[in-house]
Amino acid sequence: MLLAGTQNGGLPTNEHVMEFLPLIDLQLKSEEIIDVLERHDMEVVYQFDRDFEGADDEYQSSSASGGFEFVFDATQRLATVFLYIRPRGEFAAIDVASIDVPVYPCIDAARDAFENGGDAIRQGDGWIKAFVAGVWRHYEFDDGELSLITLMRDPV
């Protein structure tokens, strides 16, 4: 079972799909990343280890109105994408018909899809993630409803 507005294994039917998956691991200064930043009027904020705790530096860029956020590692490669399915803090909900990852209405539907695809799965209380095509896809559910999808490159 998939959320309304999706089909084909959970992929959106909208022809104006924002392709987040191909952006994972691209350089901050790549043409594709710069295009997204400019199209959504996104600023990049440098976060450094202010407290000298040994944390790596990172760069963040958010589209609060678009419902998504990027986190780049110390080498300026896109490591994580947050897709806010439900509003959270300053973030509006992203248009689920415009993203290139499946959207599932419940954790059971996500687990069934991952198991049917033969994907490596990890699951906890209110979340499930799978390693699909070189990217971790983490689905977070609040009160049984999908609230956040996090896309992460494999850290190895």
N, C-alpha and C. Protein backbone atom coordinates (compact mmCIF):
# COMPACT_ATOMS: atom_id res chain seq x y z
N MET A 1 0.84 -1.18 0.00
CA MET A 1 0.00 0.00 0.00
C MET A 1 0.89 1.25 0.00
N LEU A 2 0.54 2.22 -0.81
CA LEU A 2 1.30 3.46 -0.93
C LEU A 2 0.40 4.65 -0.67
N LEU A 3 1.01 5.77 -0.39
CA LEU A 3 0.23 6.99 -0.18
C LEU A 3 -0.40 7.45 -1.48
N ALA A 4 -1.48 8.19 -1.38
CA ALA A 4 -2.16 8.73 -2.57
C ALA A 4 -1.18 9.54 -3.40
N GLY A 5 -1.37 9.48 -4.72
CA GLY A 5 -0.51 10.24 -5.63
C GLY A 5 0.75 9.50 -6.01
N THR A 6 0.87 8.22 -5.56
CA THR A 6 2.03 7.45 -5.93
C THR A 6 1.59 6.14 -6.54
N GLN A 7 2.45 5.59 -7.36
CA GLN A 7 2.21 4.27 -7.95
C GLN A 7 3.55 3.74 -8.39
N ASN A 8 3.58 2.65 -9.13
CA ASN A 8 4.83 2.07 -9.62
C ASN A 8 5.82 1.82 -8.47
N GLY A 9 5.41 1.03 -7.50
CA GLY A 9 6.30 0.71 -6.38
C GLY A 9 6.51 1.87 -5.45
N GLY A 10 5.58 2.79 -5.41
CA GLY A 10 5.69 3.91 -4.50
C GLY A 10 6.30 5.15 -5.11
N LEU A 11 6.72 5.07 -6.36
CA LEU A 11 7.30 6.25 -6.98
C LEU A 11 6.19 7.21 -7.41
N PRO A 12 6.44 8.50 -7.31
CA PRO A 12 5.41 9.48 -7.63
C PRO A 12 5.01 9.46 -9.10
N THR A 13 3.80 9.92 -9.35
CA THR A 13 3.30 9.97 -10.71
C THR A 13 3.46 11.37 -11.32
N ASN A 14 3.83 12.34 -10.53
CA ASN A 14 4.02 13.71 -10.97
C ASN A 14 5.23 13.78 -11.90
N GLU A 15 5.09 14.45 -13.04
CA GLU A 15 6.21 14.54 -13.97
C GLU A 15 7.28 15.52 -13.51
N HIS A 16 7.01 16.34 -12.49
CA HIS A 16 7.97 17.30 -11.96
C HIS A 16 8.63 16.73 -10.71
N VAL A 17 9.32 15.62 -10.88
CA VAL A 17 9.94 14.93 -9.75
C VAL A 17 11.30 15.55 -9.45
N MET A 18 11.52 15.81 -8.17
CA MET A 18 12.83 16.28 -7.70
C MET A 18 13.65 15.02 -7.45
N GLU A 19 14.75 14.87 -8.15
CA GLU A 19 15.57 13.68 -8.03
C GLU A 19 16.63 13.88 -6.95
N PHE A 20 16.33 13.39 -5.75
CA PHE A 20 17.25 13.50 -4.62
C PHE A 20 18.31 12.41 -4.64
N LEU A 21 17.93 11.19 -5.01
CA LEU A 21 18.85 10.05 -4.95
C LEU A 21 20.15 10.27 -5.74
N PRO A 22 20.10 10.80 -6.97
CA PRO A 22 21.35 11.01 -7.70
C PRO A 22 22.25 12.09 -7.10
N LEU A 23 21.71 12.89 -6.20
CA LEU A 23 22.51 13.95 -5.58
C LEU A 23 23.41 13.44 -4.46
N ILE A 24 23.04 12.28 -3.88
CA ILE A 24 23.81 11.74 -2.76
C ILE A 24 25.26 11.53 -3.20
N ASP A 25 26.18 12.01 -2.40
CA ASP A 25 27.63 11.90 -2.56
C ASP A 25 28.21 12.87 -3.59
N LEU A 26 27.39 13.75 -4.17
CA LEU A 26 27.94 14.77 -5.07
C LEU A 26 28.59 15.89 -4.27
N GLN A 27 29.55 16.55 -4.88
CA GLN A 27 30.23 17.69 -4.27
C GLN A 27 29.28 18.88 -4.16
N LEU A 28 29.45 19.65 -3.11
CA LEU A 28 28.66 20.87 -2.90
C LEU A 28 28.72 21.78 -4.11
N LYS A 29 29.87 21.86 -4.74
CA LYS A 29 30.03 22.77 -5.88
C LYS A 29 29.74 22.11 -7.23
N SER A 30 29.11 20.94 -7.21
CA SER A 30 28.75 20.31 -8.48
C SER A 30 27.62 21.09 -9.13
N GLU A 31 27.54 20.97 -10.43
CA GLU A 31 26.51 21.68 -11.19
C GLU A 31 25.10 21.30 -10.71
N GLU A 32 24.90 20.01 -10.42
CA GLU A 32 23.57 19.53 -10.01
C GLU A 32 23.16 20.11 -8.66
N ILE A 33 24.09 20.14 -7.71
CA ILE A 33 23.78 20.69 -6.38
C ILE A 33 23.56 22.19 -6.48
N ILE A 34 24.43 22.88 -7.19
CA ILE A 34 24.28 24.33 -7.32
C ILE A 34 22.94 24.67 -7.97
N ASP A 35 22.51 23.88 -8.94
CA ASP A 35 21.21 24.10 -9.58
C ASP A 35 20.08 24.04 -8.55
N VAL A 36 20.10 23.03 -7.68
CA VAL A 36 19.06 22.91 -6.65
C VAL A 36 19.13 24.10 -5.69
N LEU A 37 20.33 24.44 -5.24
CA LEU A 37 20.49 25.55 -4.30
C LEU A 37 19.96 26.86 -4.89
N GLU A 38 20.26 27.11 -6.14
CA GLU A 38 19.80 28.34 -6.77
C GLU A 38 18.30 28.33 -7.03
N ARG A 39 17.78 27.19 -7.50
CA ARG A 39 16.35 27.08 -7.78
C ARG A 39 15.49 27.29 -6.54
N HIS A 40 16.02 26.88 -5.39
CA HIS A 40 15.25 26.98 -4.14
C HIS A 40 15.76 28.09 -3.23
N ASP A 41 16.63 28.94 -3.75
CA ASP A 41 17.18 30.07 -3.00
C ASP A 41 17.71 29.63 -1.63
N MET A 42 18.56 28.61 -1.65
CA MET A 42 19.08 28.01 -0.42
C MET A 42 20.47 28.55 -0.11
N GLU A 43 20.69 28.90 1.14
CA GLU A 43 22.00 29.31 1.62
C GLU A 43 22.71 28.09 2.19
N VAL A 44 24.03 28.12 2.18
CA VAL A 44 24.83 27.06 2.78
C VAL A 44 25.46 27.61 4.05
N VAL A 45 25.29 26.86 5.14
CA VAL A 45 25.81 27.29 6.44
C VAL A 45 26.90 26.32 6.87
N TYR A 46 28.05 26.87 7.22
CA TYR A 46 29.18 26.08 7.67
C TYR A 46 29.06 25.84 9.17
N GLN A 47 29.09 24.58 9.58
CA GLN A 47 29.03 24.21 11.00
C GLN A 47 30.37 23.60 11.38
N PHE A 48 31.06 24.20 12.34
CA PHE A 48 32.36 23.66 12.75
C PHE A 48 32.30 23.23 14.21
N ASP A 49 33.31 22.49 14.62
CA ASP A 49 33.38 21.94 15.96
C ASP A 49 33.77 23.04 16.95
N ARG A 50 32.80 23.85 17.27
CA ARG A 50 32.99 25.01 18.13
C ARG A 50 33.47 24.63 19.53
N ASP A 51 33.04 23.45 20.01
CA ASP A 51 33.36 23.03 21.38
C ASP A 51 34.56 22.09 21.46
N PHE A 52 35.27 21.90 20.34
CA PHE A 52 36.46 21.06 20.29
C PHE A 52 36.20 19.65 20.83
N GLU A 53 35.09 19.06 20.38
CA GLU A 53 34.72 17.72 20.83
C GLU A 53 35.14 16.64 19.83
N GLY A 54 35.84 17.03 18.80
CA GLY A 54 36.30 16.07 17.80
C GLY A 54 35.28 15.78 16.71
N ALA A 55 34.19 16.55 16.68
CA ALA A 55 33.17 16.35 15.64
C ALA A 55 33.68 16.90 14.31
N ASP A 56 33.29 16.22 13.24
CA ASP A 56 33.67 16.69 11.91
C ASP A 56 32.89 17.95 11.55
N ASP A 57 33.53 18.81 10.77
CA ASP A 57 32.83 19.98 10.25
C ASP A 57 31.79 19.51 9.24
N GLU A 58 30.76 20.32 9.04
CA GLU A 58 29.76 20.00 8.04
C GLU A 58 29.14 21.28 7.51
N TYR A 59 28.43 21.12 6.40
CA TYR A 59 27.75 22.22 5.75
C TYR A 59 26.28 21.83 5.63
N GLN A 60 25.39 22.77 5.94
CA GLN A 60 23.96 22.48 5.86
C GLN A 60 23.28 23.50 4.95
N SER A 61 22.25 23.02 4.28
CA SER A 61 21.46 23.90 3.43
C SER A 61 20.01 23.42 3.48
N SER A 62 19.10 24.35 3.73
CA SER A 62 17.71 23.99 3.94
C SER A 62 16.77 24.75 3.03
N SER A 63 15.70 24.08 2.65
CA SER A 63 14.57 24.73 1.99
C SER A 63 13.37 24.47 2.90
N ALA A 64 13.18 25.35 3.86
CA ALA A 64 12.09 25.18 4.82
C ALA A 64 10.74 25.14 4.11
N SER A 65 10.55 26.03 3.13
CA SER A 65 9.27 26.05 2.42
C SER A 65 9.11 24.85 1.50
N GLY A 66 10.24 24.29 1.03
CA GLY A 66 10.20 23.12 0.16
C GLY A 66 10.14 21.80 0.91
N GLY A 67 10.42 21.83 2.22
CA GLY A 67 10.33 20.64 3.04
C GLY A 67 11.51 19.69 2.94
N PHE A 68 12.71 20.23 2.64
CA PHE A 68 13.87 19.34 2.59
C PHE A 68 15.13 20.07 3.06
N GLU A 69 16.13 19.26 3.40
CA GLU A 69 17.38 19.79 3.94
C GLU A 69 18.54 18.91 3.49
N PHE A 70 19.69 19.54 3.22
CA PHE A 70 20.91 18.83 2.83
C PHE A 70 21.94 18.97 3.94
N VAL A 71 22.73 17.91 4.15
CA VAL A 71 23.89 17.96 5.04
C VAL A 71 25.08 17.42 4.26
N PHE A 72 26.12 18.24 4.16
CA PHE A 72 27.35 17.88 3.48
C PHE A 72 28.42 17.60 4.52
N ASP A 73 29.31 16.66 4.23
CA ASP A 73 30.35 16.32 5.18
C ASP A 73 31.52 17.31 5.09
N ALA A 74 32.58 17.04 5.83
CA ALA A 74 33.74 17.93 5.89
C ALA A 74 34.43 18.07 4.53
N THR A 75 34.25 17.07 3.65
CA THR A 75 34.84 17.15 2.31
C THR A 75 33.87 17.76 1.30
N GLN A 76 32.75 18.28 1.80
CA GLN A 76 31.71 18.96 1.01
C GLN A 76 30.97 18.02 0.06
N ARG A 77 30.83 16.75 0.46
CA ARG A 77 30.03 15.78 -0.30
C ARG A 77 28.68 15.64 0.40
N LEU A 78 27.62 15.54 -0.40
CA LEU A 78 26.28 15.41 0.16
C LEU A 78 26.15 14.05 0.83
N ALA A 79 26.01 14.08 2.15
CA ALA A 79 25.95 12.85 2.95
C ALA A 79 24.53 12.47 3.33
N THR A 80 23.67 13.48 3.55
CA THR A 80 22.33 13.22 4.07
C THR A 80 21.32 14.19 3.47
N VAL A 81 20.14 13.66 3.16
CA VAL A 81 19.01 14.48 2.71
C VAL A 81 17.84 14.15 3.61
N PHE A 82 17.22 15.18 4.19
CA PHE A 82 16.02 15.02 4.99
C PHE A 82 14.82 15.47 4.16
N LEU A 83 13.81 14.62 4.07
CA LEU A 83 12.57 14.94 3.36
C LEU A 83 11.45 14.96 4.40
N TYR A 84 10.93 16.12 4.70
CA TYR A 84 9.92 16.28 5.75
C TYR A 84 8.54 15.98 5.17
N ILE A 85 8.02 14.82 5.48
CA ILE A 85 6.73 14.38 4.96
C ILE A 85 5.59 15.09 5.68
N ARG A 86 5.80 15.35 6.96
CA ARG A 86 4.86 16.15 7.75
C ARG A 86 5.61 17.39 8.24
N PRO A 87 4.91 18.50 8.41
CA PRO A 87 5.60 19.71 8.90
C PRO A 87 6.32 19.44 10.22
N ARG A 88 7.50 20.04 10.36
CA ARG A 88 8.28 19.88 11.59
C ARG A 88 9.10 21.15 11.79
N GLY A 89 8.89 21.80 12.93
CA GLY A 89 9.61 23.03 13.19
C GLY A 89 9.37 24.04 12.10
N GLU A 90 10.44 24.54 11.52
CA GLU A 90 10.34 25.54 10.45
C GLU A 90 10.01 24.93 9.09
N PHE A 91 10.03 23.60 9.00
CA PHE A 91 9.88 22.93 7.71
C PHE A 91 8.43 22.62 7.37
N ALA A 92 8.04 23.01 6.17
CA ALA A 92 6.74 22.63 5.62
C ALA A 92 6.84 21.18 5.16
N ALA A 93 5.73 20.57 4.91
CA ALA A 93 5.73 19.22 4.36
C ALA A 93 6.11 19.28 2.87
N ILE A 94 6.98 18.38 2.46
CA ILE A 94 7.35 18.30 1.06
C ILE A 94 6.18 17.72 0.27
N ASP A 95 6.07 18.06 -0.99
CA ASP A 95 5.06 17.49 -1.87
C ASP A 95 5.49 16.06 -2.20
N VAL A 96 4.82 15.06 -1.62
CA VAL A 96 5.24 13.67 -1.82
C VAL A 96 5.13 13.22 -3.28
N ALA A 97 4.33 13.91 -4.06
CA ALA A 97 4.23 13.58 -5.48
C ALA A 97 5.42 14.10 -6.28
N SER A 98 6.34 14.82 -5.61
CA SER A 98 7.46 15.40 -6.33
C SER A 98 8.80 14.80 -5.94
N ILE A 99 8.81 13.69 -5.20
CA ILE A 99 10.09 13.10 -4.78
C ILE A 99 10.31 11.75 -5.46
N ASP A 100 11.57 11.37 -5.54
CA ASP A 100 11.95 10.16 -6.29
C ASP A 100 12.16 8.94 -5.41
N VAL A 101 11.57 8.92 -4.24
CA VAL A 101 11.64 7.74 -3.37
C VAL A 101 10.22 7.31 -3.01
N PRO A 102 10.03 6.01 -2.80
CA PRO A 102 8.70 5.54 -2.42
C PRO A 102 8.25 6.14 -1.09
N VAL A 103 6.96 6.35 -0.98
CA VAL A 103 6.35 6.89 0.24
C VAL A 103 5.34 5.85 0.72
N TYR A 104 5.53 5.38 1.94
CA TYR A 104 4.68 4.32 2.49
C TYR A 104 3.80 4.86 3.62
N PRO A 105 2.54 4.41 3.68
CA PRO A 105 1.62 4.93 4.69
C PRO A 105 1.87 4.38 6.09
N CYS A 106 2.58 3.25 6.18
CA CYS A 106 2.82 2.66 7.50
C CYS A 106 4.10 1.84 7.44
N ILE A 107 4.62 1.53 8.61
CA ILE A 107 5.88 0.80 8.70
C ILE A 107 5.77 -0.60 8.11
N ASP A 108 4.60 -1.23 8.24
CA ASP A 108 4.41 -2.57 7.68
C ASP A 108 4.52 -2.56 6.16
N ALA A 109 3.97 -1.54 5.52
CA ALA A 109 4.04 -1.43 4.07
C ALA A 109 5.49 -1.23 3.62
N ALA A 110 6.24 -0.43 4.36
CA ALA A 110 7.65 -0.22 4.03
C ALA A 110 8.42 -1.53 4.19
N ARG A 111 8.20 -2.23 5.29
CA ARG A 111 8.90 -3.49 5.53
C ARG A 111 8.57 -4.51 4.43
N ASP A 112 7.31 -4.61 4.06
CA ASP A 112 6.91 -5.54 2.99
C ASP A 112 7.63 -5.21 1.68
N ALA A 113 7.68 -3.93 1.35
CA ALA A 113 8.34 -3.52 0.11
C ALA A 113 9.83 -3.84 0.15
N PHE A 114 10.49 -3.56 1.27
CA PHE A 114 11.92 -3.85 1.39
C PHE A 114 12.18 -5.35 1.33
N GLU A 115 11.36 -6.13 2.03
CA GLU A 115 11.53 -7.58 2.02
C GLU A 115 11.31 -8.14 0.62
N ASN A 116 10.30 -7.64 -0.08
CA ASN A 116 10.04 -8.10 -1.45
C ASN A 116 11.18 -7.74 -2.39
N GLY A 117 11.87 -6.66 -2.10
CA GLY A 117 13.00 -6.24 -2.93
C GLY A 117 14.31 -6.91 -2.53
N GLY A 118 14.28 -7.68 -1.43
CA GLY A 118 15.49 -8.35 -0.97
C GLY A 118 16.51 -7.40 -0.36
N ASP A 119 16.05 -6.25 0.12
CA ASP A 119 16.95 -5.23 0.67
C ASP A 119 17.33 -5.53 2.12
N ALA A 120 18.55 -5.13 2.51
CA ALA A 120 18.99 -5.25 3.89
C ALA A 120 18.17 -4.28 4.74
N ILE A 121 17.56 -4.77 5.82
CA ILE A 121 16.64 -3.98 6.63
C ILE A 121 17.14 -3.90 8.06
N ARG A 122 16.94 -2.73 8.66
CA ARG A 122 17.10 -2.53 10.11
C ARG A 122 15.83 -1.85 10.58
N GLN A 123 15.37 -2.22 11.77
CA GLN A 123 14.11 -1.65 12.25
C GLN A 123 14.18 -1.42 13.75
N GLY A 124 13.53 -0.34 14.18
CA GLY A 124 13.41 -0.03 15.59
C GLY A 124 12.01 0.44 15.88
N ASP A 125 11.82 1.00 17.05
CA ASP A 125 10.51 1.48 17.45
C ASP A 125 10.17 2.76 16.68
N GLY A 126 9.26 2.66 15.72
CA GLY A 126 8.83 3.82 14.94
C GLY A 126 9.68 4.15 13.74
N TRP A 127 10.63 3.29 13.40
CA TRP A 127 11.45 3.55 12.21
C TRP A 127 11.87 2.26 11.55
N ILE A 128 12.19 2.38 10.28
CA ILE A 128 12.73 1.27 9.50
C ILE A 128 13.65 1.87 8.45
N LYS A 129 14.76 1.16 8.17
CA LYS A 129 15.63 1.63 7.10
C LYS A 129 16.14 0.45 6.31
N ALA A 130 16.44 0.71 5.06
CA ALA A 130 16.94 -0.31 4.16
C ALA A 130 18.05 0.28 3.30
N PHE A 131 18.97 -0.57 2.93
CA PHE A 131 20.06 -0.18 2.05
C PHE A 131 19.66 -0.57 0.64
N VAL A 132 19.33 0.42 -0.17
CA VAL A 132 18.81 0.20 -1.52
C VAL A 132 19.68 0.96 -2.51
N ALA A 133 20.26 0.24 -3.46
CA ALA A 133 21.05 0.85 -4.54
C ALA A 133 22.11 1.83 -4.01
N GLY A 134 22.81 1.41 -2.95
CA GLY A 134 23.91 2.21 -2.42
C GLY A 134 23.53 3.36 -1.51
N VAL A 135 22.25 3.47 -1.16
CA VAL A 135 21.78 4.56 -0.30
C VAL A 135 20.91 3.99 0.82
N TRP A 136 21.18 4.41 2.05
CA TRP A 136 20.29 4.05 3.16
C TRP A 136 19.05 4.92 3.07
N ARG A 137 17.89 4.29 3.16
CA ARG A 137 16.60 4.99 3.16
C ARG A 137 15.95 4.74 4.52
N HIS A 138 15.86 5.78 5.31
CA HIS A 138 15.36 5.69 6.68
C HIS A 138 13.99 6.34 6.74
N TYR A 139 12.99 5.56 7.16
CA TYR A 139 11.61 6.05 7.25
C TYR A 139 11.23 6.15 8.72
N GLU A 140 10.81 7.34 9.14
CA GLU A 140 10.41 7.58 10.53
C GLU A 140 8.90 7.79 10.59
N PHE A 141 8.27 7.08 11.52
CA PHE A 141 6.82 7.14 11.68
C PHE A 141 6.49 7.69 13.06
N ASP A 142 5.63 8.69 13.11
CA ASP A 142 5.13 9.25 14.37
C ASP A 142 3.65 8.92 14.47
N ASP A 143 3.26 8.31 15.56
CA ASP A 143 1.87 7.89 15.75
C ASP A 143 1.38 7.06 14.57
N GLY A 144 2.27 6.22 14.04
CA GLY A 144 1.91 5.33 12.95
C GLY A 144 1.91 5.93 11.57
N GLU A 145 2.17 7.25 11.46
CA GLU A 145 2.16 7.93 10.16
C GLU A 145 3.57 8.36 9.77
N LEU A 146 3.87 8.21 8.49
CA LEU A 146 5.18 8.61 8.00
C LEU A 146 5.38 10.11 8.22
N SER A 147 6.52 10.47 8.83
CA SER A 147 6.78 11.88 9.08
C SER A 147 8.07 12.38 8.45
N LEU A 148 9.03 11.48 8.23
CA LEU A 148 10.33 11.91 7.73
C LEU A 148 10.98 10.77 6.96
N ILE A 149 11.58 11.10 5.82
CA ILE A 149 12.42 10.17 5.09
C ILE A 149 13.82 10.77 5.07
N THR A 150 14.80 9.97 5.48
CA THR A 150 16.19 10.41 5.45
C THR A 150 16.96 9.52 4.49
N LEU A 151 17.66 10.16 3.57
CA LEU A 151 18.49 9.45 2.60
C LEU A 151 19.94 9.68 3.02
N MET A 152 20.72 8.60 3.16
CA MET A 152 22.10 8.72 3.62
C MET A 152 23.01 7.83 2.78
N ARG A 153 24.15 8.35 2.46
CA ARG A 153 25.12 7.51 1.77
C ARG A 153 25.70 6.53 2.78
N ASP A 154 26.21 5.43 2.29
CA ASP A 154 26.84 4.44 3.16
C ASP A 154 28.13 5.04 3.71
N PRO A 155 28.31 5.05 5.02
CA PRO A 155 29.47 5.75 5.60
C PRO A 155 30.80 5.05 5.38
N VAL A 156 30.81 3.84 4.83
CA VAL A 156 32.09 3.15 4.63
C VAL A 156 32.80 3.57 3.40
